PDB file of all heavy atoms in Angstrom:
ATOM      1  N   VAL A   1       0.841  -1.209   0.000  1.00  0.00           N
ATOM      2  CA  VAL A   1       0.000   0.000   0.000  1.00  0.00           C
ATOM      3  C   VAL A   1       0.871   1.252   0.000  1.00  0.00           C
ATOM      4  O   VAL A   1       0.643   2.191  -0.771  1.00  0.00           O
ATOM      5  CB  VAL A   1      -0.972   0.000   1.214  1.00  0.00           C
ATOM      6  CG1 VAL A   1      -1.596   1.374   1.414  1.00  0.00           C
ATOM      7  CG2 VAL A   1      -2.053  -1.056   1.026  1.00  0.00           C
ATOM      8  N   ASN A   2       1.900   1.268   0.841  1.00  0.00           N
ATOM      9  CA  ASN A   2       2.797   2.425   0.898  1.00  0.00           C
ATOM     10  C   ASN A   2       3.543   2.624  -0.417  1.00  0.00           C
ATOM     11  O   ASN A   2       3.709   3.750  -0.891  1.00  0.00           O
ATOM     12  CB  ASN A   2       3.782   2.286   2.056  1.00  0.00           C
ATOM     13  CG  ASN A   2       3.110   2.446   3.405  1.00  0.00           C
ATOM     14  OD1 ASN A   2       2.023   2.994   3.516  1.00  0.00           O
ATOM     15  ND2 ASN A   2       3.751   1.936   4.441  1.00  0.00           N
ATOM     16  N   ALA A   3       4.001   1.522  -1.020  1.00  0.00           N
ATOM     17  CA  ALA A   3       4.711   1.622  -2.309  1.00  0.00           C
ATOM     18  C   ALA A   3       3.785   2.178  -3.387  1.00  0.00           C
ATOM     19  O   ALA A   3       4.192   3.021  -4.192  1.00  0.00           O
ATOM     20  CB  ALA A   3       5.255   0.261  -2.727  1.00  0.00           C
ATOM     21  N   CYS A   4       2.549   1.713  -3.403  1.00  0.00           N
ATOM     22  CA  CYS A   4       1.577   2.218  -4.389  1.00  0.00           C
ATOM     23  C   CYS A   4       1.323   3.711  -4.182  1.00  0.00           C
ATOM     24  O   CYS A   4       1.316   4.488  -5.145  1.00  0.00           O
ATOM     25  CB  CYS A   4       0.264   1.445  -4.293  1.00  0.00           C
ATOM     26  SG  CYS A   4       0.368  -0.254  -4.875  1.00  0.00           S
ATOM     27  N   ASN A   5       1.110   4.096  -2.938  1.00  0.00           N
ATOM     28  CA  ASN A   5       0.874   5.516  -2.651  1.00  0.00           C
ATOM     29  C   ASN A   5       2.072   6.367  -3.044  1.00  0.00           C
ATOM     30  O   ASN A   5       1.904   7.457  -3.590  1.00  0.00           O
ATOM     31  CB  ASN A   5       0.530   5.719  -1.172  1.00  0.00           C
ATOM     32  CG  ASN A   5      -0.887   5.313  -0.854  1.00  0.00           C
ATOM     33  OD1 ASN A   5      -1.774   5.386  -1.702  1.00  0.00           O
ATOM     34  ND2 ASN A   5      -1.120   4.864   0.364  1.00  0.00           N
ATOM     35  N   ASP A   6       3.276   5.871  -2.791  1.00  0.00           N
ATOM     36  CA  ASP A   6       4.483   6.597  -3.192  1.00  0.00           C
ATOM     37  C   ASP A   6       4.544   6.759  -4.711  1.00  0.00           C
ATOM     38  O   ASP A   6       4.827   7.845  -5.215  1.00  0.00           O
ATOM     39  CB  ASP A   6       5.745   5.875  -2.715  1.00  0.00           C
ATOM     40  CG  ASP A   6       5.938   5.948  -1.206  1.00  0.00           C
ATOM     41  OD1 ASP A   6       5.250   6.772  -0.559  1.00  0.00           O
ATOM     42  OD2 ASP A   6       6.764   5.170  -0.689  1.00  0.00           O
ATOM     43  N   MET A   7       4.273   5.677  -5.425  1.00  0.00           N
ATOM     44  CA  MET A   7       4.319   5.737  -6.886  1.00  0.00           C
ATOM     45  C   MET A   7       3.248   6.677  -7.432  1.00  0.00           C
ATOM     46  O   MET A   7       3.497   7.431  -8.374  1.00  0.00           O
ATOM     47  CB  MET A   7       4.157   4.332  -7.478  1.00  0.00           C
ATOM     48  CG  MET A   7       5.374   3.442  -7.270  1.00  0.00           C
ATOM     49  SD  MET A   7       5.133   1.754  -7.880  1.00  0.00           S
ATOM     50  CE  MET A   7       5.131   2.049  -9.654  1.00  0.00           C
ATOM     51  N   LEU A   8       2.058   6.649  -6.841  1.00  0.00           N
ATOM     52  CA  LEU A   8       0.978   7.525  -7.298  1.00  0.00           C
ATOM     53  C   LEU A   8       1.315   8.993  -7.018  1.00  0.00           C
ATOM     54  O   LEU A   8       1.027   9.864  -7.839  1.00  0.00           O
ATOM     55  CB  LEU A   8      -0.342   7.142  -6.642  1.00  0.00           C
ATOM     56  CG  LEU A   8      -0.940   5.822  -7.119  1.00  0.00           C
ATOM     57  CD1 LEU A   8      -2.142   5.433  -6.263  1.00  0.00           C
ATOM     58  CD2 LEU A   8      -1.327   5.901  -8.583  1.00  0.00           C
ATOM     59  N   ARG A   9       1.916   9.244  -5.864  1.00  0.00           N
ATOM     60  CA  ARG A   9       2.316  10.616  -5.543  1.00  0.00           C
ATOM     61  C   ARG A   9       3.342  11.125  -6.551  1.00  0.00           C
ATOM     62  O   ARG A   9       3.295  12.269  -6.956  1.00  0.00           O
ATOM     63  CB  ARG A   9       2.910  10.684  -4.138  1.00  0.00           C
ATOM     64  CG  ARG A   9       1.938  11.219  -3.117  1.00  0.00           C
ATOM     65  CD  ARG A   9       2.622  11.451  -1.774  1.00  0.00           C
ATOM     66  NE  ARG A   9       2.011  10.596  -0.780  1.00  0.00           N
ATOM     67  CZ  ARG A   9       2.487   9.444  -0.320  1.00  0.00           C
ATOM     68  NH1 ARG A   9       3.623   8.997  -0.702  1.00  0.00           N
ATOM     69  NH2 ARG A   9       1.841   8.740   0.568  1.00  0.00           N
ATOM     70  N   LYS A  10       4.255  10.249  -6.923  1.00  0.00           N
ATOM     71  CA  LYS A  10       5.293  10.643  -7.879  1.00  0.00           C
ATOM     72  C   LYS A  10       4.711  10.900  -9.262  1.00  0.00           C
ATOM     73  O   LYS A  10       5.100  11.834  -9.939  1.00  0.00           O
ATOM     74  CB  LYS A  10       6.381   9.567  -7.962  1.00  0.00           C
ATOM     75  CG  LYS A  10       7.262   9.521  -6.746  1.00  0.00           C
ATOM     76  CD  LYS A  10       8.267   8.395  -6.840  1.00  0.00           C
ATOM     77  CE  LYS A  10       9.043   8.252  -5.542  1.00  0.00           C
ATOM     78  NZ  LYS A  10       9.880   7.058  -5.529  1.00  0.00           N
ATOM     79  N   SER A  11       3.790  10.068  -9.672  1.00  0.00           N
ATOM     80  CA  SER A  11       3.248  10.220 -11.028  1.00  0.00           C
ATOM     81  C   SER A  11       2.166  11.295 -11.093  1.00  0.00           C
ATOM     82  O   SER A  11       1.975  11.912 -12.141  1.00  0.00           O
ATOM     83  CB  SER A  11       2.689   8.888 -11.537  1.00  0.00           C
ATOM     84  OG  SER A  11       1.469   8.586 -10.893  1.00  0.00           O
ATOM     85  N   LYS A  12       1.439  11.477  -9.987  1.00  0.00           N
ATOM     86  CA  LYS A  12       0.353  12.466  -9.907  1.00  0.00           C
ATOM     87  C   LYS A  12      -0.702  12.287 -11.000  1.00  0.00           C
ATOM     88  O   LYS A  12      -1.534  13.149 -11.213  1.00  0.00           O
ATOM     89  CB  LYS A  12       0.896  13.899  -9.978  1.00  0.00           C
ATOM     90  CG  LYS A  12       1.623  14.335  -8.774  1.00  0.00           C
ATOM     91  CD  LYS A  12       0.673  14.605  -7.649  1.00  0.00           C
ATOM     92  CE  LYS A  12       1.430  15.217  -6.494  1.00  0.00           C
ATOM     93  NZ  LYS A  12       0.644  15.384  -5.340  1.00  0.00           N
ATOM     94  N   LYS A  13      -0.612  11.202 -11.710  1.00  0.00           N
ATOM     95  CA  LYS A  13      -1.592  10.979 -12.766  1.00  0.00           C
ATOM     96  C   LYS A  13      -1.928   9.500 -12.790  1.00  0.00           C
ATOM     97  O   LYS A  13      -1.071   8.672 -12.986  1.00  0.00           O
ATOM     98  CB  LYS A  13      -1.028  11.390 -14.127  1.00  0.00           C
ATOM     99  CG  LYS A  13      -2.003  11.233 -15.255  1.00  0.00           C
ATOM    100  CD  LYS A  13      -1.413  11.692 -16.560  1.00  0.00           C
ATOM    101  CE  LYS A  13      -2.422  11.439 -17.671  1.00  0.00           C
ATOM    102  NZ  LYS A  13      -1.829  11.583 -18.965  1.00  0.00           N
ATOM    103  N   MET A  14      -3.192   9.210 -12.595  1.00  0.00           N
ATOM    104  CA  MET A  14      -3.610   7.812 -12.634  1.00  0.00           C
ATOM    105  C   MET A  14      -4.087   7.468 -14.035  1.00  0.00           C
ATOM    106  O   MET A  14      -4.735   8.254 -14.696  1.00  0.00           O
ATOM    107  CB  MET A  14      -4.719   7.577 -11.619  1.00  0.00           C
ATOM    108  CG  MET A  14      -4.248   7.811 -10.202  1.00  0.00           C
ATOM    109  SD  MET A  14      -5.458   7.378  -8.978  1.00  0.00           S
ATOM    110  CE  MET A  14      -5.666   5.654  -9.306  1.00  0.00           C
ATOM    111  N   LYS A  15      -3.767   6.276 -14.451  1.00  0.00           N
ATOM    112  CA  LYS A  15      -4.144   5.830 -15.784  1.00  0.00           C
ATOM    113  C   LYS A  15      -5.485   5.123 -15.739  1.00  0.00           C
ATOM    114  O   LYS A  15      -5.864   4.552 -14.735  1.00  0.00           O
ATOM    115  CB  LYS A  15      -3.072   4.900 -16.329  1.00  0.00           C
ATOM    116  CG  LYS A  15      -1.731   5.587 -16.457  1.00  0.00           C
ATOM    117  CD  LYS A  15      -0.653   4.621 -16.843  1.00  0.00           C
ATOM    118  CE  LYS A  15       0.663   5.343 -16.932  1.00  0.00           C
ATOM    119  NZ  LYS A  15       1.577   5.052 -15.881  1.00  0.00           N
ATOM    120  N   VAL A  16      -6.184   5.141 -16.843  1.00  0.00           N
ATOM    121  CA  VAL A  16      -7.476   4.477 -16.938  1.00  0.00           C
ATOM    122  C   VAL A  16      -7.264   2.974 -17.075  1.00  0.00           C
ATOM    123  O   VAL A  16      -6.404   2.523 -17.810  1.00  0.00           O
ATOM    124  CB  VAL A  16      -8.262   5.006 -18.165  1.00  0.00           C
ATOM    125  CG1 VAL A  16      -9.584   4.299 -18.307  1.00  0.00           C
ATOM    126  CG2 VAL A  16      -8.456   6.499 -18.047  1.00  0.00           C
ATOM    127  N   ILE A  17      -8.077   2.222 -16.366  1.00  0.00           N
ATOM    128  CA  ILE A  17      -7.990   0.762 -16.469  1.00  0.00           C
ATOM    129  C   ILE A  17      -8.542   0.326 -17.811  1.00  0.00           C
ATOM    130  O   ILE A  17      -9.641   0.686 -18.198  1.00  0.00           O
ATOM    131  CB  ILE A  17      -8.819   0.085 -15.370  1.00  0.00           C
ATOM    132  CG1 ILE A  17      -8.221   0.345 -14.017  1.00  0.00           C
ATOM    133  CG2 ILE A  17      -8.929  -1.412 -15.612  1.00  0.00           C
ATOM    134  CD1 ILE A  17      -8.968  -0.262 -12.880  1.00  0.00           C
ATOM    135  N   ASP A  18      -7.747  -0.444 -18.534  1.00  0.00           N
ATOM    136  CA  ASP A  18      -8.274  -1.028 -19.763  1.00  0.00           C
ATOM    137  C   ASP A  18      -7.945  -2.512 -19.848  1.00  0.00           C
ATOM    138  O   ASP A  18      -8.410  -3.192 -20.726  1.00  0.00           O
ATOM    139  CB  ASP A  18      -7.732  -0.296 -21.000  1.00  0.00           C
ATOM    140  CG  ASP A  18      -6.231  -0.422 -21.139  1.00  0.00           C
ATOM    141  OD1 ASP A  18      -5.571  -0.900 -20.210  1.00  0.00           O
ATOM    142  OD2 ASP A  18      -5.710  -0.021 -22.205  1.00  0.00           O
ATOM    143  N   THR A  19      -7.173  -3.008 -18.906  1.00  0.00           N
ATOM    144  CA  THR A  19      -6.778  -4.411 -18.971  1.00  0.00           C
ATOM    145  C   THR A  19      -7.426  -5.271 -17.897  1.00  0.00           C
ATOM    146  O   THR A  19      -7.443  -6.474 -18.019  1.00  0.00           O
ATOM    147  CB  THR A  19      -5.251  -4.539 -18.824  1.00  0.00           C
ATOM    148  OG1 THR A  19      -4.872  -3.932 -17.609  1.00  0.00           O
ATOM    149  CG2 THR A  19      -4.536  -3.912 -19.987  1.00  0.00           C
ATOM    150  N   VAL A  20      -7.968  -4.682 -16.864  1.00  0.00           N
ATOM    151  CA  VAL A  20      -8.497  -5.460 -15.757  1.00  0.00           C
ATOM    152  C   VAL A  20      -9.641  -6.362 -16.201  1.00  0.00           C
ATOM    153  O   VAL A  20      -9.779  -7.470 -15.742  1.00  0.00           O
ATOM    154  CB  VAL A  20      -8.966  -4.540 -14.615  1.00  0.00           C
ATOM    155  CG1 VAL A  20      -9.681  -5.320 -13.542  1.00  0.00           C
ATOM    156  CG2 VAL A  20      -7.782  -3.804 -14.032  1.00  0.00           C
ATOM    157  N   TYR A  21     -10.430  -5.912 -17.126  1.00  0.00           N
ATOM    158  CA  TYR A  21     -11.625  -6.652 -17.494  1.00  0.00           C
ATOM    159  C   TYR A  21     -11.445  -7.548 -18.716  1.00  0.00           C
ATOM    160  O   TYR A  21     -12.319  -8.299 -19.052  1.00  0.00           O
ATOM    161  CB  TYR A  21     -12.778  -5.668 -17.735  1.00  0.00           C
ATOM    162  CG  TYR A  21     -12.991  -4.805 -16.530  1.00  0.00           C
ATOM    163  CD1 TYR A  21     -12.573  -3.483 -16.530  1.00  0.00           C
ATOM    164  CD2 TYR A  21     -13.535  -5.335 -15.372  1.00  0.00           C
ATOM    165  CE1 TYR A  21     -12.718  -2.695 -15.411  1.00  0.00           C
ATOM    166  CE2 TYR A  21     -13.676  -4.546 -14.243  1.00  0.00           C
ATOM    167  CZ  TYR A  21     -13.279  -3.235 -14.271  1.00  0.00           C
ATOM    168  OH  TYR A  21     -13.414  -2.467 -13.160  1.00  0.00           O
ATOM    169  N   LYS A  22     -10.310  -7.481 -19.358  1.00  0.00           N
ATOM    170  CA  LYS A  22     -10.097  -8.295 -20.552  1.00  0.00           C
ATOM    171  C   LYS A  22     -10.153  -9.779 -20.242  1.00  0.00           C
ATOM    172  O   LYS A  22     -10.792 -10.527 -20.953  1.00  0.00           O
ATOM    173  CB  LYS A  22      -8.774  -7.939 -21.228  1.00  0.00           C
ATOM    174  CG  LYS A  22      -8.819  -6.604 -21.920  1.00  0.00           C
ATOM    175  CD  LYS A  22      -7.516  -6.302 -22.619  1.00  0.00           C
ATOM    176  CE  LYS A  22      -7.607  -4.924 -23.260  1.00  0.00           C
ATOM    177  NZ  LYS A  22      -6.370  -4.515 -23.863  1.00  0.00           N
ATOM    178  N   ASN A  23      -9.504 -10.222 -19.176  1.00  0.00           N
ATOM    179  CA  ASN A  23      -9.531 -11.632 -18.838  1.00  0.00           C
ATOM    180  C   ASN A  23     -10.944 -12.095 -18.538  1.00  0.00           C
ATOM    181  O   ASN A  23     -11.368 -13.149 -18.949  1.00  0.00           O
ATOM    182  CB  ASN A  23      -8.629 -11.930 -17.636  1.00  0.00           C
ATOM    183  CG  ASN A  23      -7.166 -11.827 -18.002  1.00  0.00           C
ATOM    184  OD1 ASN A  23      -6.809 -11.937 -19.165  1.00  0.00           O
ATOM    185  ND2 ASN A  23      -6.334 -11.600 -17.011  1.00  0.00           N
ATOM    186  N   GLU A  24     -11.665 -11.265 -17.803  1.00  0.00           N
ATOM    187  CA  GLU A  24     -13.037 -11.608 -17.453  1.00  0.00           C
ATOM    188  C   GLU A  24     -13.885 -11.743 -18.717  1.00  0.00           C
ATOM    189  O   GLU A  24     -14.658 -12.680 -18.858  1.00  0.00           O
ATOM    190  CB  GLU A  24     -13.612 -10.530 -16.537  1.00  0.00           C
ATOM    191  CG  GLU A  24     -14.963 -10.876 -15.974  1.00  0.00           C
ATOM    192  CD  GLU A  24     -15.443  -9.835 -14.986  1.00  0.00           C
ATOM    193  OE1 GLU A  24     -14.656  -9.459 -14.094  1.00  0.00           O
ATOM    194  OE2 GLU A  24     -16.589  -9.417 -15.125  1.00  0.00           O
ATOM    195  N   GLU A  25     -13.730 -10.835 -19.639  1.00  0.00           N
ATOM    196  CA  GLU A  25     -14.504 -10.911 -20.881  1.00  0.00           C
ATOM    197  C   GLU A  25     -14.108 -12.126 -21.689  1.00  0.00           C
ATOM    198  O   GLU A  25     -14.956 -12.812 -22.243  1.00  0.00           O
ATOM    199  CB  GLU A  25     -14.307  -9.645 -21.708  1.00  0.00           C
ATOM    200  CG  GLU A  25     -15.026  -8.457 -21.119  1.00  0.00           C
ATOM    201  CD  GLU A  25     -14.749  -7.188 -21.889  1.00  0.00           C
ATOM    202  OE1 GLU A  25     -14.180  -7.258 -22.983  1.00  0.00           O
ATOM    203  OE2 GLU A  25     -15.125  -6.133 -21.379  1.00  0.00           O
ATOM    204  N   ASP A  26     -12.833 -12.412 -21.768  1.00  0.00           N
ATOM    205  CA  ASP A  26     -12.379 -13.589 -22.499  1.00  0.00           C
ATOM    206  C   ASP A  26     -12.996 -14.846 -21.904  1.00  0.00           C
ATOM    207  O   ASP A  26     -13.428 -15.737 -22.632  1.00  0.00           O
ATOM    208  CB  ASP A  26     -10.858 -13.697 -22.490  1.00  0.00           C
ATOM    209  CG  ASP A  26     -10.194 -12.621 -23.330  1.00  0.00           C
ATOM    210  OD1 ASP A  26     -10.882 -12.002 -24.167  1.00  0.00           O
ATOM    211  OD2 ASP A  26      -8.991 -12.394 -23.139  1.00  0.00           O
ATOM    212  N   GLU A  27     -13.044 -14.927 -20.582  1.00  0.00           N
ATOM    213  CA  GLU A  27     -13.646 -16.088 -19.942  1.00  0.00           C
ATOM    214  C   GLU A  27     -15.123 -16.168 -20.268  1.00  0.00           C
ATOM    215  O   GLU A  27     -15.632 -17.239 -20.546  1.00  0.00           O
ATOM    216  CB  GLU A  27     -13.467 -16.023 -18.423  1.00  0.00           C
ATOM    217  CG  GLU A  27     -12.077 -16.406 -17.985  1.00  0.00           C
ATOM    218  CD  GLU A  27     -11.926 -16.385 -16.473  1.00  0.00           C
ATOM    219  OE1 GLU A  27     -12.938 -16.534 -15.765  1.00  0.00           O
ATOM    220  OE2 GLU A  27     -10.794 -16.222 -16.021  1.00  0.00           O
ATOM    221  N   ASP A  28     -15.829 -15.044 -20.234  1.00  0.00           N
ATOM    222  CA  ASP A  28     -17.257 -15.055 -20.556  1.00  0.00           C
ATOM    223  C   ASP A  28     -17.481 -15.601 -21.957  1.00  0.00           C
ATOM    224  O   ASP A  28     -18.396 -16.383 -22.178  1.00  0.00           O
ATOM    225  CB  ASP A  28     -17.856 -13.640 -20.466  1.00  0.00           C
ATOM    226  CG  ASP A  28     -17.998 -13.177 -19.021  1.00  0.00           C
ATOM    227  OD1 ASP A  28     -17.954 -14.032 -18.120  1.00  0.00           O
ATOM    228  OD2 ASP A  28     -18.147 -11.963 -18.819  1.00  0.00           O
ATOM    229  N   ILE A  29     -16.653 -15.185 -22.874  1.00  0.00           N
ATOM    230  CA  ILE A  29     -16.798 -15.654 -24.254  1.00  0.00           C
ATOM    231  C   ILE A  29     -16.441 -17.136 -24.349  1.00  0.00           C
ATOM    232  O   ILE A  29     -17.150 -17.923 -24.954  1.00  0.00           O
ATOM    233  CB  ILE A  29     -15.914 -14.819 -25.198  1.00  0.00           C
ATOM    234  CG1 ILE A  29     -16.459 -13.379 -25.246  1.00  0.00           C
ATOM    235  CG2 ILE A  29     -15.884 -15.419 -26.591  1.00  0.00           C
ATOM    236  CD1 ILE A  29     -15.527 -12.387 -25.889  1.00  0.00           C
TER     237      ILE A  29
END
């Protein structure tokens, strides 16, 4: 959690999730 918070503070920009749901969709298909 601390490492993630440190990385987010450094980047100050969060990216949009586009890969989290791909596996789930592939399984559904």
